[in-house]
Amino acid sequence: MANLARKYRIRKGAIIGLGIDRLDYTKGIPERLSALDVFFRKYPQYQGRVVFVQVGVPSRVHLEEYQSLNQEVDRRVEELNWKYKFSGWQPVIFIREHLDLPKLVALYRMARFLAVSSLHDGMNLVAKEFIASQVESSGVLLLSRFTGAARELPDALLLNPFSPDEVAERIREAVEMDSLEVRRRMGRLREQVRENNIYKWAASILKKLSKLS
């Protein structure tokens, strides 16, 4: 983890927020960056202390619409960093590449919070990867109400990704949450993911199918 922090110039002691997404319209990355702008404006005490690491895996780059999305994300990241950076600190570190699993797990374990603020999505396995990686139960999951996982993971901090003010408040809540509450919530999330594994899911499907026959 220390090597990863050095590679991406993450200051020692920084409070790390994390986003892991394909660069896709459904993931709500521009909206998330707008929420970060609100957060740093409303809570200037966290300037220099919180850094958001956004991993954006390129997707469908041959399509004009996705090229425009890439350009918009680049522009918003540049604007945020220009607006708030000082003394070697910048609010957003944008990693535009696919990371292998060991690096992802390291980032998951370093993060104080993971933001999954999809505009509409399925089960969203990134949220479950984060939970599974949280062996020390020291992270907070921020989860869009519009993901399928939101119904299964009630101990996440749920949010409306279309509301920058609400997302900013959830970020503040995650950063300021009492460590005991963080462990309680993540412990329950880990138990939920552990219990609802592929075997239980398959058994549930087979049970429903048997009722239809």
N, C-alpha and C. Protein backbone atom coordinates (compact mmCIF):
# COMPACT_ATOMS: atom_id res chain seq x y z
N MET A 1 0.82 -1.21 0.00
CA MET A 1 0.00 0.00 0.00
C MET A 1 0.86 1.26 0.00
N ALA A 2 1.99 1.20 0.70
CA ALA A 2 2.89 2.36 0.74
C ALA A 2 3.43 2.66 -0.65
N ASN A 3 3.77 1.61 -1.41
CA ASN A 3 4.28 1.83 -2.77
C ASN A 3 3.23 2.48 -3.66
N LEU A 4 1.97 2.08 -3.48
CA LEU A 4 0.88 2.65 -4.27
C LEU A 4 0.70 4.13 -3.92
N ALA A 5 0.78 4.44 -2.64
CA ALA A 5 0.64 5.84 -2.20
C ALA A 5 1.76 6.70 -2.78
N ARG A 6 2.97 6.17 -2.80
CA ARG A 6 4.08 6.93 -3.38
C ARG A 6 3.90 7.12 -4.87
N LYS A 7 3.45 6.06 -5.56
CA LYS A 7 3.30 6.13 -7.01
C LYS A 7 2.32 7.24 -7.40
N TYR A 8 1.22 7.34 -6.67
CA TYR A 8 0.19 8.33 -7.02
C TYR A 8 0.26 9.59 -6.17
N ARG A 9 1.35 9.73 -5.43
CA ARG A 9 1.63 10.95 -4.66
C ARG A 9 0.50 11.27 -3.68
N ILE A 10 0.06 10.24 -2.97
CA ILE A 10 -0.94 10.42 -1.93
C ILE A 10 -0.22 10.71 -0.63
N ARG A 11 -0.50 11.85 -0.04
CA ARG A 11 0.20 12.26 1.17
C ARG A 11 -0.05 11.30 2.32
N LYS A 12 0.98 11.10 3.12
CA LYS A 12 0.84 10.30 4.32
C LYS A 12 -0.18 10.95 5.25
N GLY A 13 -1.11 10.15 5.76
CA GLY A 13 -2.12 10.67 6.67
C GLY A 13 -3.34 11.25 5.97
N ALA A 14 -3.37 11.24 4.63
CA ALA A 14 -4.52 11.77 3.91
C ALA A 14 -5.75 10.91 4.15
N ILE A 15 -6.90 11.55 4.18
CA ILE A 15 -8.19 10.84 4.22
C ILE A 15 -8.57 10.55 2.78
N ILE A 16 -8.63 9.28 2.42
CA ILE A 16 -8.76 8.90 1.02
C ILE A 16 -10.20 8.50 0.70
N GLY A 17 -10.77 9.17 -0.29
CA GLY A 17 -12.02 8.75 -0.90
C GLY A 17 -11.70 8.05 -2.20
N LEU A 18 -12.60 7.19 -2.65
CA LEU A 18 -12.29 6.35 -3.80
C LEU A 18 -13.49 6.17 -4.70
N GLY A 19 -13.25 6.20 -6.00
CA GLY A 19 -14.24 5.82 -7.01
C GLY A 19 -13.59 4.87 -8.00
N ILE A 20 -14.22 3.74 -8.28
CA ILE A 20 -13.71 2.76 -9.24
C ILE A 20 -14.81 2.55 -10.28
N ASP A 21 -14.60 3.01 -11.50
CA ASP A 21 -15.67 2.98 -12.49
C ASP A 21 -15.12 2.81 -13.90
N ARG A 22 -15.94 2.24 -14.77
CA ARG A 22 -15.72 2.42 -16.20
C ARG A 22 -16.13 3.85 -16.54
N LEU A 23 -15.49 4.43 -17.54
CA LEU A 23 -15.89 5.76 -17.98
C LEU A 23 -17.13 5.62 -18.85
N ASP A 24 -18.26 5.61 -18.17
CA ASP A 24 -19.55 5.33 -18.79
C ASP A 24 -20.57 6.32 -18.23
N TYR A 25 -21.55 6.69 -19.06
CA TYR A 25 -22.55 7.68 -18.63
C TYR A 25 -23.35 7.23 -17.41
N THR A 26 -23.53 5.93 -17.25
CA THR A 26 -24.36 5.44 -16.14
C THR A 26 -23.68 5.60 -14.79
N LYS A 27 -22.38 5.83 -14.76
CA LYS A 27 -21.63 5.80 -13.49
C LYS A 27 -21.69 7.10 -12.71
N GLY A 28 -22.13 8.17 -13.35
CA GLY A 28 -22.30 9.42 -12.61
C GLY A 28 -21.01 10.09 -12.18
N ILE A 29 -19.95 9.95 -12.97
CA ILE A 29 -18.66 10.53 -12.56
C ILE A 29 -18.68 12.06 -12.60
N PRO A 30 -19.20 12.71 -13.65
CA PRO A 30 -19.27 14.18 -13.61
C PRO A 30 -20.08 14.69 -12.43
N GLU A 31 -21.19 14.02 -12.12
CA GLU A 31 -22.03 14.41 -10.98
C GLU A 31 -21.26 14.26 -9.67
N ARG A 32 -20.47 13.22 -9.57
CA ARG A 32 -19.65 12.99 -8.36
C ARG A 32 -18.62 14.10 -8.19
N LEU A 33 -18.01 14.51 -9.30
CA LEU A 33 -17.02 15.58 -9.24
C LEU A 33 -17.67 16.91 -8.84
N SER A 34 -18.91 17.13 -9.30
CA SER A 34 -19.65 18.32 -8.87
C SER A 34 -19.89 18.29 -7.36
N ALA A 35 -20.20 17.10 -6.83
CA ALA A 35 -20.42 16.96 -5.39
C ALA A 35 -19.13 17.22 -4.61
N LEU A 36 -17.99 16.80 -5.14
CA LEU A 36 -16.72 17.08 -4.47
C LEU A 36 -16.45 18.58 -4.43
N ASP A 37 -16.81 19.29 -5.49
CA ASP A 37 -16.68 20.75 -5.50
C ASP A 37 -17.50 21.36 -4.37
N VAL A 38 -18.74 20.89 -4.22
CA VAL A 38 -19.61 21.38 -3.13
C VAL A 38 -18.98 21.06 -1.78
N PHE A 39 -18.47 19.83 -1.63
CA PHE A 39 -17.88 19.41 -0.35
C PHE A 39 -16.72 20.31 0.05
N PHE A 40 -15.79 20.55 -0.86
CA PHE A 40 -14.63 21.37 -0.51
C PHE A 40 -14.99 22.83 -0.32
N ARG A 41 -16.04 23.29 -0.99
CA ARG A 41 -16.48 24.67 -0.80
C ARG A 41 -17.18 24.85 0.55
N LYS A 42 -18.05 23.88 0.90
CA LYS A 42 -18.81 23.99 2.15
C LYS A 42 -17.97 23.65 3.38
N TYR A 43 -16.97 22.79 3.19
CA TYR A 43 -16.17 22.33 4.33
C TYR A 43 -14.69 22.55 4.03
N PRO A 44 -14.25 23.81 4.00
CA PRO A 44 -12.87 24.11 3.63
C PRO A 44 -11.84 23.52 4.60
N GLN A 45 -12.28 23.11 5.80
CA GLN A 45 -11.34 22.49 6.74
C GLN A 45 -10.78 21.18 6.22
N TYR A 46 -11.43 20.61 5.19
CA TYR A 46 -10.94 19.35 4.63
C TYR A 46 -10.06 19.55 3.40
N GLN A 47 -9.88 20.79 2.99
CA GLN A 47 -8.92 21.05 1.92
C GLN A 47 -7.52 20.74 2.45
N GLY A 48 -6.77 19.97 1.71
CA GLY A 48 -5.45 19.56 2.15
C GLY A 48 -5.46 18.28 2.96
N ARG A 49 -6.65 17.82 3.35
CA ARG A 49 -6.75 16.61 4.19
C ARG A 49 -7.41 15.45 3.47
N VAL A 50 -8.43 15.74 2.67
CA VAL A 50 -9.15 14.71 1.93
C VAL A 50 -8.67 14.70 0.49
N VAL A 51 -8.39 13.53 -0.02
CA VAL A 51 -8.05 13.40 -1.44
C VAL A 51 -8.93 12.30 -2.03
N PHE A 52 -9.49 12.58 -3.19
CA PHE A 52 -10.37 11.61 -3.84
C PHE A 52 -9.62 10.98 -5.01
N VAL A 53 -9.49 9.66 -4.95
CA VAL A 53 -8.81 8.91 -6.01
C VAL A 53 -9.88 8.31 -6.92
N GLN A 54 -9.92 8.78 -8.15
CA GLN A 54 -10.90 8.30 -9.12
C GLN A 54 -10.19 7.44 -10.16
N VAL A 55 -10.50 6.15 -10.15
CA VAL A 55 -9.99 5.25 -11.18
C VAL A 55 -11.05 5.20 -12.28
N GLY A 56 -10.67 5.62 -13.48
CA GLY A 56 -11.60 5.63 -14.61
C GLY A 56 -11.08 4.74 -15.72
N VAL A 57 -11.70 3.59 -15.89
CA VAL A 57 -11.26 2.64 -16.91
C VAL A 57 -11.87 3.04 -18.24
N PRO A 58 -11.07 3.34 -19.27
CA PRO A 58 -11.62 3.76 -20.57
C PRO A 58 -12.62 2.74 -21.12
N SER A 59 -13.69 3.26 -21.73
CA SER A 59 -14.76 2.41 -22.24
C SER A 59 -15.27 2.97 -23.56
N ARG A 60 -15.35 2.14 -24.58
CA ARG A 60 -15.95 2.50 -25.87
C ARG A 60 -15.37 3.81 -26.42
N VAL A 61 -14.07 3.92 -26.39
CA VAL A 61 -13.42 5.18 -26.74
C VAL A 61 -13.57 5.53 -28.22
N HIS A 62 -14.01 4.56 -29.04
CA HIS A 62 -14.19 4.84 -30.47
C HIS A 62 -15.50 5.59 -30.73
N LEU A 63 -16.39 5.67 -29.74
CA LEU A 63 -17.67 6.35 -29.91
C LEU A 63 -17.54 7.82 -29.52
N GLU A 64 -18.14 8.69 -30.33
CA GLU A 64 -18.02 10.13 -30.10
C GLU A 64 -18.58 10.54 -28.74
N GLU A 65 -19.71 9.92 -28.35
CA GLU A 65 -20.33 10.27 -27.08
C GLU A 65 -19.40 9.97 -25.90
N TYR A 66 -18.68 8.88 -25.99
CA TYR A 66 -17.78 8.51 -24.90
C TYR A 66 -16.50 9.35 -24.93
N GLN A 67 -16.09 9.76 -26.11
CA GLN A 67 -14.97 10.69 -26.20
C GLN A 67 -15.33 12.01 -25.52
N SER A 68 -16.58 12.45 -25.72
CA SER A 68 -17.05 13.68 -25.07
C SER A 68 -17.08 13.53 -23.55
N LEU A 69 -17.51 12.35 -23.06
CA LEU A 69 -17.54 12.09 -21.63
C LEU A 69 -16.12 12.14 -21.06
N ASN A 70 -15.17 11.51 -21.76
CA ASN A 70 -13.78 11.53 -21.32
C ASN A 70 -13.27 12.96 -21.20
N GLN A 71 -13.59 13.77 -22.20
CA GLN A 71 -13.15 15.17 -22.19
C GLN A 71 -13.79 15.95 -21.05
N GLU A 72 -15.08 15.66 -20.78
CA GLU A 72 -15.76 16.36 -19.70
C GLU A 72 -15.16 16.01 -18.35
N VAL A 73 -14.87 14.71 -18.14
CA VAL A 73 -14.26 14.28 -16.87
C VAL A 73 -12.88 14.92 -16.71
N ASP A 74 -12.09 14.91 -17.77
CA ASP A 74 -10.76 15.55 -17.72
C ASP A 74 -10.89 17.03 -17.34
N ARG A 75 -11.85 17.70 -17.97
CA ARG A 75 -12.03 19.14 -17.72
C ARG A 75 -12.43 19.39 -16.26
N ARG A 76 -13.36 18.59 -15.75
CA ARG A 76 -13.83 18.79 -14.38
C ARG A 76 -12.74 18.50 -13.35
N VAL A 77 -11.95 17.46 -13.60
CA VAL A 77 -10.84 17.15 -12.70
C VAL A 77 -9.83 18.29 -12.70
N GLU A 78 -9.50 18.78 -13.89
CA GLU A 78 -8.53 19.88 -14.00
C GLU A 78 -9.05 21.13 -13.29
N GLU A 79 -10.34 21.43 -13.46
CA GLU A 79 -10.92 22.60 -12.81
C GLU A 79 -10.89 22.49 -11.29
N LEU A 80 -11.24 21.31 -10.77
CA LEU A 80 -11.22 21.11 -9.32
C LEU A 80 -9.80 21.26 -8.78
N ASN A 81 -8.84 20.64 -9.44
CA ASN A 81 -7.47 20.70 -8.95
C ASN A 81 -6.89 22.12 -9.05
N TRP A 82 -7.26 22.83 -10.10
CA TRP A 82 -6.81 24.22 -10.23
C TRP A 82 -7.45 25.10 -9.17
N LYS A 83 -8.68 24.84 -8.85
CA LYS A 83 -9.44 25.67 -7.91
C LYS A 83 -8.97 25.51 -6.46
N TYR A 84 -8.60 24.29 -6.08
CA TYR A 84 -8.34 24.02 -4.66
C TYR A 84 -6.90 23.65 -4.32
N LYS A 85 -6.08 23.29 -5.26
CA LYS A 85 -4.76 22.76 -4.92
C LYS A 85 -3.89 23.82 -4.24
N PHE A 86 -3.07 23.36 -3.31
CA PHE A 86 -2.08 24.22 -2.68
C PHE A 86 -1.02 23.35 -2.00
N SER A 87 0.18 23.87 -1.90
CA SER A 87 1.29 23.23 -1.17
C SER A 87 1.47 21.75 -1.53
N GLY A 88 1.36 21.43 -2.80
CA GLY A 88 1.58 20.07 -3.23
C GLY A 88 0.38 19.15 -3.10
N TRP A 89 -0.72 19.66 -2.55
CA TRP A 89 -1.94 18.86 -2.41
C TRP A 89 -2.91 19.21 -3.53
N GLN A 90 -3.59 18.19 -4.06
CA GLN A 90 -4.68 18.43 -4.98
C GLN A 90 -5.84 17.51 -4.60
N PRO A 91 -7.09 17.97 -4.78
CA PRO A 91 -8.22 17.20 -4.27
C PRO A 91 -8.52 15.91 -5.01
N VAL A 92 -8.20 15.83 -6.30
CA VAL A 92 -8.55 14.66 -7.09
C VAL A 92 -7.31 14.08 -7.77
N ILE A 93 -7.12 12.80 -7.61
CA ILE A 93 -6.10 12.06 -8.35
C ILE A 93 -6.84 11.14 -9.32
N PHE A 94 -6.66 11.39 -10.60
CA PHE A 94 -7.40 10.66 -11.63
C PHE A 94 -6.48 9.62 -12.25
N ILE A 95 -6.84 8.35 -12.10
CA ILE A 95 -6.05 7.24 -12.64
C ILE A 95 -6.82 6.67 -13.82
N ARG A 96 -6.35 6.97 -15.01
CA ARG A 96 -7.06 6.53 -16.22
C ARG A 96 -6.42 5.24 -16.74
N GLU A 97 -6.66 4.16 -16.05
CA GLU A 97 -6.11 2.88 -16.48
C GLU A 97 -6.80 1.74 -15.75
N HIS A 98 -6.67 0.56 -16.31
CA HIS A 98 -7.19 -0.63 -15.65
C HIS A 98 -6.15 -1.11 -14.65
N LEU A 99 -6.56 -1.27 -13.38
CA LEU A 99 -5.66 -1.76 -12.35
C LEU A 99 -5.92 -3.23 -12.08
N ASP A 100 -4.85 -3.98 -11.82
CA ASP A 100 -5.05 -5.39 -11.50
C ASP A 100 -5.62 -5.52 -10.09
N LEU A 101 -6.07 -6.73 -9.77
CA LEU A 101 -6.78 -6.95 -8.50
C LEU A 101 -5.95 -6.60 -7.27
N PRO A 102 -4.68 -6.97 -7.19
CA PRO A 102 -3.91 -6.59 -5.99
C PRO A 102 -3.87 -5.08 -5.75
N LYS A 103 -3.74 -4.29 -6.82
CA LYS A 103 -3.73 -2.83 -6.67
C LYS A 103 -5.10 -2.32 -6.25
N LEU A 104 -6.16 -2.89 -6.82
CA LEU A 104 -7.51 -2.49 -6.42
C LEU A 104 -7.75 -2.78 -4.94
N VAL A 105 -7.35 -3.97 -4.51
CA VAL A 105 -7.54 -4.33 -3.10
C VAL A 105 -6.77 -3.38 -2.20
N ALA A 106 -5.56 -3.02 -2.60
CA ALA A 106 -4.77 -2.07 -1.81
C ALA A 106 -5.49 -0.73 -1.70
N LEU A 107 -6.05 -0.24 -2.80
CA LEU A 107 -6.80 1.01 -2.76
C LEU A 107 -8.04 0.88 -1.89
N TYR A 108 -8.76 -0.24 -2.01
CA TYR A 108 -9.94 -0.46 -1.18
C TYR A 108 -9.58 -0.39 0.30
N ARG A 109 -8.45 -0.96 0.66
CA ARG A 109 -8.07 -1.01 2.07
C ARG A 109 -7.56 0.34 2.56
N MET A 110 -7.01 1.15 1.66
CA MET A 110 -6.52 2.48 2.03
C MET A 110 -7.66 3.48 2.21
N ALA A 111 -8.79 3.23 1.56
CA ALA A 111 -9.84 4.23 1.47
C ALA A 111 -10.66 4.36 2.75
N ARG A 112 -10.93 5.60 3.13
CA ARG A 112 -11.88 5.86 4.21
C ARG A 112 -13.30 5.64 3.72
N PHE A 113 -13.54 5.99 2.44
CA PHE A 113 -14.86 5.74 1.87
C PHE A 113 -14.76 5.44 0.39
N LEU A 114 -15.71 4.65 -0.08
CA LEU A 114 -15.88 4.37 -1.51
C LEU A 114 -17.20 4.96 -1.94
N ALA A 115 -17.19 5.73 -3.03
CA ALA A 115 -18.41 6.32 -3.57
C ALA A 115 -18.85 5.54 -4.80
N VAL A 116 -20.00 4.89 -4.69
CA VAL A 116 -20.64 4.23 -5.83
C VAL A 116 -21.91 5.02 -6.11
N SER A 117 -21.79 6.03 -6.95
CA SER A 117 -22.90 6.97 -7.15
C SER A 117 -23.48 6.84 -8.55
N SER A 118 -23.72 5.61 -8.96
CA SER A 118 -24.27 5.34 -10.29
C SER A 118 -25.65 5.97 -10.46
N LEU A 119 -25.93 6.45 -11.67
CA LEU A 119 -27.23 7.05 -11.97
C LEU A 119 -28.30 5.98 -12.11
N HIS A 120 -27.95 4.86 -12.67
CA HIS A 120 -28.80 3.66 -12.67
C HIS A 120 -27.88 2.50 -13.00
N ASP A 121 -28.05 1.41 -12.29
CA ASP A 121 -27.09 0.33 -12.42
C ASP A 121 -27.67 -0.96 -11.88
N GLY A 122 -26.91 -2.05 -12.04
CA GLY A 122 -27.33 -3.35 -11.54
C GLY A 122 -26.82 -3.57 -10.12
N MET A 123 -26.31 -4.77 -9.85
CA MET A 123 -25.89 -5.10 -8.50
C MET A 123 -24.64 -4.34 -8.08
N ASN A 124 -23.83 -3.93 -9.01
CA ASN A 124 -22.60 -3.18 -8.78
C ASN A 124 -21.62 -3.93 -7.88
N LEU A 125 -20.82 -4.76 -8.51
CA LEU A 125 -19.89 -5.61 -7.78
C LEU A 125 -18.74 -4.83 -7.14
N VAL A 126 -18.48 -3.62 -7.61
CA VAL A 126 -17.43 -2.81 -6.98
C VAL A 126 -17.73 -2.60 -5.50
N ALA A 127 -18.99 -2.35 -5.18
CA ALA A 127 -19.37 -2.16 -3.77
C ALA A 127 -19.05 -3.40 -2.96
N LYS A 128 -19.30 -4.57 -3.52
CA LYS A 128 -19.05 -5.81 -2.79
C LYS A 128 -17.56 -6.12 -2.72
N GLU A 129 -16.81 -5.77 -3.76
CA GLU A 129 -15.36 -5.92 -3.70
C GLU A 129 -14.77 -5.08 -2.57
N PHE A 130 -15.27 -3.86 -2.45
CA PHE A 130 -14.81 -2.96 -1.38
C PHE A 130 -15.09 -3.58 -0.01
N ILE A 131 -16.31 -4.07 0.17
CA ILE A 131 -16.69 -4.69 1.45
C ILE A 131 -15.82 -5.89 1.75
N ALA A 132 -15.62 -6.76 0.75
CA ALA A 132 -14.80 -7.96 0.95
C ALA A 132 -13.36 -7.62 1.29
N SER A 133 -12.87 -6.49 0.79
CA SER A 133 -11.49 -6.09 1.03
C SER A 133 -11.30 -5.42 2.38
N GLN A 134 -12.38 -5.03 3.02
CA GLN A 134 -12.30 -4.26 4.26
C GLN A 134 -12.10 -5.17 5.48
N VAL A 135 -10.95 -5.84 5.52
CA VAL A 135 -10.68 -6.79 6.59
C VAL A 135 -10.56 -6.10 7.95
N GLU A 136 -10.22 -4.83 7.95
CA GLU A 136 -10.11 -4.08 9.21
C GLU A 136 -11.39 -3.30 9.52
N SER A 137 -12.39 -3.41 8.64
CA SER A 137 -13.69 -2.73 8.83
C SER A 137 -13.50 -1.25 9.13
N SER A 138 -12.66 -0.58 8.35
CA SER A 138 -12.34 0.82 8.61
C SER A 138 -12.85 1.76 7.54
N GLY A 139 -13.68 1.26 6.62
CA GLY A 139 -14.18 2.09 5.53
C GLY A 139 -15.68 2.22 5.53
N VAL A 140 -16.16 3.23 4.82
CA VAL A 140 -17.59 3.53 4.72
C VAL A 140 -17.99 3.44 3.25
N LEU A 141 -19.11 2.78 3.00
CA LEU A 141 -19.63 2.66 1.63
C LEU A 141 -20.71 3.70 1.39
N LEU A 142 -20.51 4.55 0.37
CA LEU A 142 -21.52 5.49 -0.10
C LEU A 142 -22.14 4.88 -1.34
N LEU A 143 -23.45 4.73 -1.34
CA LEU A 143 -24.10 3.94 -2.38
C LEU A 143 -25.34 4.63 -2.92
N SER A 144 -25.41 4.74 -4.24
CA SER A 144 -26.56 5.33 -4.90
C SER A 144 -27.82 4.51 -4.63
N ARG A 145 -28.90 5.21 -4.39
CA ARG A 145 -30.20 4.55 -4.19
C ARG A 145 -30.66 3.82 -5.45
N PHE A 146 -30.06 4.15 -6.58
CA PHE A 146 -30.51 3.60 -7.86
C PHE A 146 -29.73 2.36 -8.28
N THR A 147 -28.91 1.82 -7.40
CA THR A 147 -28.22 0.57 -7.69
C THR A 147 -29.02 -0.59 -7.11
N GLY A 148 -28.90 -1.75 -7.75
CA GLY A 148 -29.55 -2.93 -7.21
C GLY A 148 -29.00 -3.29 -5.84
N ALA A 149 -27.70 -3.02 -5.63
CA ALA A 149 -27.06 -3.36 -4.35
C ALA A 149 -27.64 -2.57 -3.19
N ALA A 150 -28.27 -1.43 -3.46
CA ALA A 150 -28.80 -0.59 -2.37
C ALA A 150 -29.86 -1.33 -1.55
N ARG A 151 -30.60 -2.22 -2.21
CA ARG A 151 -31.65 -2.97 -1.49
C ARG A 151 -31.04 -4.05 -0.61
N GLU A 152 -29.84 -4.46 -0.93
CA GLU A 152 -29.20 -5.56 -0.22
C GLU A 152 -28.25 -5.09 0.87
N LEU A 153 -27.80 -3.83 0.78
CA LEU A 153 -26.75 -3.33 1.67
C LEU A 153 -27.22 -2.09 2.44
N PRO A 154 -28.14 -2.25 3.37
CA PRO A 154 -28.75 -1.11 4.05
C PRO A 154 -27.80 -0.34 4.97
N ASP A 155 -26.66 -0.92 5.32
CA ASP A 155 -25.72 -0.21 6.20
C ASP A 155 -24.78 0.71 5.44
N ALA A 156 -24.93 0.78 4.12
CA ALA A 156 -24.23 1.81 3.36
C ALA A 156 -24.92 3.15 3.59
N LEU A 157 -24.21 4.23 3.34
CA LEU A 157 -24.83 5.56 3.36
C LEU A 157 -25.45 5.79 1.99
N LEU A 158 -26.77 5.74 1.93
CA LEU A 158 -27.46 5.86 0.65
C LEU A 158 -27.55 7.32 0.22
N LEU A 159 -27.54 7.55 -1.08
CA LEU A 159 -27.53 8.92 -1.59
C LEU A 159 -28.24 9.00 -2.92
N ASN A 160 -28.64 10.21 -3.25
CA ASN A 160 -29.20 10.53 -4.56
C ASN A 160 -28.08 11.13 -5.41
N PRO A 161 -27.58 10.42 -6.41
CA PRO A 161 -26.43 10.91 -7.17
C PRO A 161 -26.70 12.17 -7.98
N PHE A 162 -27.99 12.50 -8.17
CA PHE A 162 -28.35 13.71 -8.91
C PHE A 162 -28.32 14.96 -8.03
N SER A 163 -28.07 14.80 -6.72
CA SER A 163 -28.05 15.92 -5.78
C SER A 163 -26.63 16.13 -5.27
N PRO A 164 -25.89 17.10 -5.82
CA PRO A 164 -24.52 17.35 -5.34
C PRO A 164 -24.46 17.67 -3.85
N ASP A 165 -25.46 18.40 -3.36
CA ASP A 165 -25.46 18.75 -1.93
C ASP A 165 -25.62 17.52 -1.06
N GLU A 166 -26.48 16.60 -1.46
CA GLU A 166 -26.68 15.38 -0.67
C GLU A 166 -25.43 14.51 -0.70
N VAL A 167 -24.81 14.37 -1.86
CA VAL A 167 -23.59 13.56 -1.94
C VAL A 167 -22.49 14.19 -1.09
N ALA A 168 -22.38 15.51 -1.14
CA ALA A 168 -21.38 16.21 -0.32
C ALA A 168 -21.60 15.94 1.16
N GLU A 169 -22.86 15.94 1.58
CA GLU A 169 -23.17 15.66 2.99
C GLU A 169 -22.82 14.23 3.36
N ARG A 170 -23.04 13.30 2.45
CA ARG A 170 -22.68 11.91 2.73
C ARG A 170 -21.16 11.76 2.83
N ILE A 171 -20.43 12.49 2.02
CA ILE A 171 -18.96 12.47 2.12
C ILE A 171 -18.54 12.99 3.49
N ARG A 172 -19.11 14.11 3.91
CA ARG A 172 -18.79 14.65 5.23
C ARG A 172 -19.12 13.65 6.33
N GLU A 173 -20.28 13.02 6.21
CA GLU A 173 -20.69 12.04 7.21
C GLU A 173 -19.71 10.87 7.27
N ALA A 174 -19.26 10.41 6.11
CA ALA A 174 -18.31 9.30 6.07
C ALA A 174 -16.98 9.69 6.71
N VAL A 175 -16.52 10.90 6.43
CA VAL A 175 -15.24 11.38 6.96
C VAL A 175 -15.31 11.55 8.47
N GLU A 176 -16.44 12.03 8.96
CA GLU A 176 -16.57 12.36 10.38
C GLU A 176 -17.16 11.25 11.23
N MET A 177 -17.56 10.15 10.64
CA MET A 177 -18.22 9.09 11.38
C MET A 177 -17.32 8.52 12.47
N ASP A 178 -17.89 8.31 13.64
CA ASP A 178 -17.18 7.69 14.75
C ASP A 178 -16.62 6.33 14.34
N SER A 179 -15.39 6.03 14.75
CA SER A 179 -14.73 4.80 14.31
C SER A 179 -15.49 3.55 14.74
N LEU A 180 -16.15 3.60 15.89
CA LEU A 180 -16.93 2.44 16.34
C LEU A 180 -18.12 2.21 15.42
N GLU A 181 -18.78 3.30 14.99
CA GLU A 181 -19.91 3.19 14.07
C GLU A 181 -19.45 2.69 12.70
N VAL A 182 -18.27 3.14 12.27
CA VAL A 182 -17.72 2.65 11.01
C VAL A 182 -17.54 1.14 11.07
N ARG A 183 -16.95 0.65 12.16
CA ARG A 183 -16.72 -0.79 12.29
C ARG A 183 -18.03 -1.56 12.37
N ARG A 184 -19.01 -1.01 13.08
CA ARG A 184 -20.31 -1.68 13.19
C ARG A 184 -20.97 -1.82 11.83
N ARG A 185 -21.01 -0.72 11.08
CA ARG A 185 -21.65 -0.74 9.76
C ARG A 185 -20.93 -1.69 8.81
N MET A 186 -19.60 -1.58 8.76
CA MET A 186 -18.85 -2.43 7.84
C MET A 186 -18.92 -3.89 8.28
N GLY A 187 -18.94 -4.13 9.55
CA GLY A 187 -19.07 -5.51 10.02
C GLY A 187 -20.38 -6.14 9.55
N ARG A 188 -21.47 -5.36 9.62
CA ARG A 188 -22.76 -5.88 9.16
C ARG A 188 -22.76 -6.06 7.64
N LEU A 189 -22.13 -5.14 6.93
CA LEU A 189 -22.04 -5.28 5.47
C LEU A 189 -21.23 -6.51 5.09
N ARG A 190 -20.16 -6.76 5.79
CA ARG A 190 -19.34 -7.93 5.49
C ARG A 190 -20.10 -9.22 5.75
N GLU A 191 -20.88 -9.23 6.82
CA GLU A 191 -21.69 -10.40 7.12
C GLU A 191 -22.74 -10.63 6.05
N GLN A 192 -23.33 -9.53 5.57
CA GLN A 192 -24.34 -9.62 4.52
C GLN A 192 -23.75 -10.20 3.24
N VAL A 193 -22.58 -9.72 2.85
CA VAL A 193 -21.94 -10.21 1.63
C VAL A 193 -21.49 -11.65 1.81
N ARG A 194 -21.00 -11.98 2.99
CA ARG A 194 -20.56 -13.35 3.26
C ARG A 194 -21.73 -14.33 3.18
N GLU A 195 -22.87 -13.92 3.69
CA GLU A 195 -24.04 -14.80 3.74
C GLU A 195 -24.68 -14.95 2.37
N ASN A 196 -24.82 -13.86 1.65
CA ASN A 196 -25.50 -13.89 0.35
C ASN A 196 -24.49 -14.18 -0.76
N ASN A 197 -23.95 -15.38 -0.74
CA ASN A 197 -22.95 -15.76 -1.73
C ASN A 197 -23.61 -16.39 -2.95
N ILE A 198 -22.80 -16.84 -3.89
CA ILE A 198 -23.32 -17.38 -5.16
C ILE A 198 -24.16 -18.64 -4.93
N TYR A 199 -23.82 -19.41 -3.89
CA TYR A 199 -24.56 -20.65 -3.64
C TYR A 199 -25.99 -20.34 -3.16
N LYS A 200 -26.09 -19.35 -2.28
CA LYS A 200 -27.42 -18.95 -1.81
C LYS A 200 -28.23 -18.36 -2.95
N TRP A 201 -27.57 -17.57 -3.79
CA TRP A 201 -28.26 -16.96 -4.94
C TRP A 201 -28.77 -18.05 -5.89
N ALA A 202 -27.92 -19.04 -6.19
CA ALA A 202 -28.33 -20.12 -7.09
C ALA A 202 -29.47 -20.93 -6.50
N ALA A 203 -29.40 -21.20 -5.18
CA ALA A 203 -30.47 -21.96 -4.52
C ALA A 203 -31.79 -21.19 -4.58
N SER A 204 -31.70 -19.88 -4.44
CA SER A 204 -32.91 -19.05 -4.50
C SER A 204 -33.55 -19.10 -5.88
N ILE A 205 -32.70 -19.04 -6.93
CA ILE A 205 -33.22 -19.11 -8.30
C ILE A 205 -33.89 -20.45 -8.57
N LEU A 206 -33.21 -21.53 -8.13
CA LEU A 206 -33.77 -22.87 -8.35
C LEU A 206 -35.09 -23.05 -7.61
N LYS A 207 -35.19 -22.48 -6.41
CA LYS A 207 -36.43 -22.58 -5.63
C LYS A 207 -37.57 -21.87 -6.36
N LYS A 208 -37.28 -20.68 -6.91
CA LYS A 208 -38.32 -19.95 -7.65
C LYS A 208 -38.73 -20.69 -8.90
N LEU A 209 -37.75 -21.28 -9.58
CA LEU A 209 -38.06 -22.03 -10.80
C LEU A 209 -38.92 -23.27 -10.49
N SER A 210 -38.64 -23.91 -9.37
CA SER A 210 -39.41 -25.11 -9.00
C SER A 210 -40.86 -24.77 -8.73
N LYS A 211 -41.12 -23.55 -8.23
CA LYS A 211 -42.50 -23.14 -7.96
C LYS A 211 -43.27 -22.88 -9.26
N LEU A 212 -42.53 -22.57 -10.33
CA LEU A 212 -43.19 -22.28 -11.60
C LEU A 212 -43.49 -23.56 -12.38
N SER A 213 -42.84 -24.66 -12.03
CA SER A 213 -43.00 -25.90 -12.80
C SER A 213 -44.23 -26.70 -12.31
